[in-house]
Protein backbone atom coordinates (compact mmCIF):
# COMPACT_ATOMS: atom_id res chain seq x y z
CA MET A 1 11.03 0.94 5.46
CA ARG A 2 13.01 1.93 1.61
CA GLY A 3 15.99 3.87 2.72
CA PRO A 4 16.72 7.25 0.38
CA HIS A 5 19.90 5.76 -1.48
CA ASP A 6 17.87 2.35 -2.78
CA ARG A 7 14.49 2.53 -3.62
CA ARG A 8 14.53 -1.14 -2.97
CA SER A 9 16.58 -1.03 0.24
CA VAL A 10 15.06 -1.73 3.73
CA ALA A 11 16.15 -0.02 6.95
CA LYS A 12 15.17 -1.09 10.23
CA GLY A 13 15.85 1.08 13.17
CA LEU A 14 14.12 2.55 16.63
CA VAL A 15 11.36 4.86 16.84
CA GLU A 16 10.01 6.68 19.98
CA ASP A 17 6.38 5.28 21.11
CA ALA A 18 4.94 8.84 20.41
CA ILE A 19 4.46 7.41 16.56
CA LEU A 20 1.79 5.18 17.60
CA SER A 21 -0.83 8.21 18.87
CA GLU A 22 1.08 10.60 16.06
CA LYS A 23 -1.95 11.99 13.80
CA SER A 24 0.00 12.85 10.86
CA ASP A 25 0.49 10.10 8.04
CA THR A 26 4.06 12.17 7.36
CA VAL A 27 6.78 12.05 10.07
CA GLN A 28 10.58 13.35 10.21
CA PHE A 29 13.22 10.63 11.27
CA GLU A 30 16.38 12.35 12.42
CA ARG A 31 19.17 12.31 10.38
CA PHE A 32 17.06 10.26 7.73
CA GLY A 33 14.57 12.42 5.94
CA PHE A 34 10.60 12.55 5.81
CA VAL A 35 8.57 9.33 5.52
CA LYS A 36 4.56 8.51 5.21
CA VAL A 37 3.72 5.83 7.80
CA GLU A 38 1.74 3.14 6.11
CA LYS A 39 0.85 0.79 8.99
CA ARG A 40 0.86 1.40 12.83
CA THR A 41 1.14 -1.55 15.49
CA PRO A 42 2.20 -1.65 19.06
CA GLU A 43 4.57 -4.32 17.37
CA LYS A 44 6.10 -2.79 14.24
CA ILE A 45 5.69 0.60 12.11
CA VAL A 46 5.88 0.27 8.28
CA CYS A 47 6.62 3.46 6.79
CA VAL A 48 7.88 4.51 3.17
CA TYR A 49 10.80 7.26 2.53
CA THR A 50 9.64 9.93 0.53
CA HIS A 51 12.23 12.78 0.71
CA ASP A 52 15.23 14.70 2.82
């Protein structure tokens, strides 16, 4: 996931399992900001930072 401070940075973290069934492509990560979900698999979630 690209971070809010450097457009080329990658941030790794944990997310609740509920993201796998979330219908929206845009979600909010607490204490991080809004992200667009690009890819969802049970092993990996790929998101792109959009805004605070």
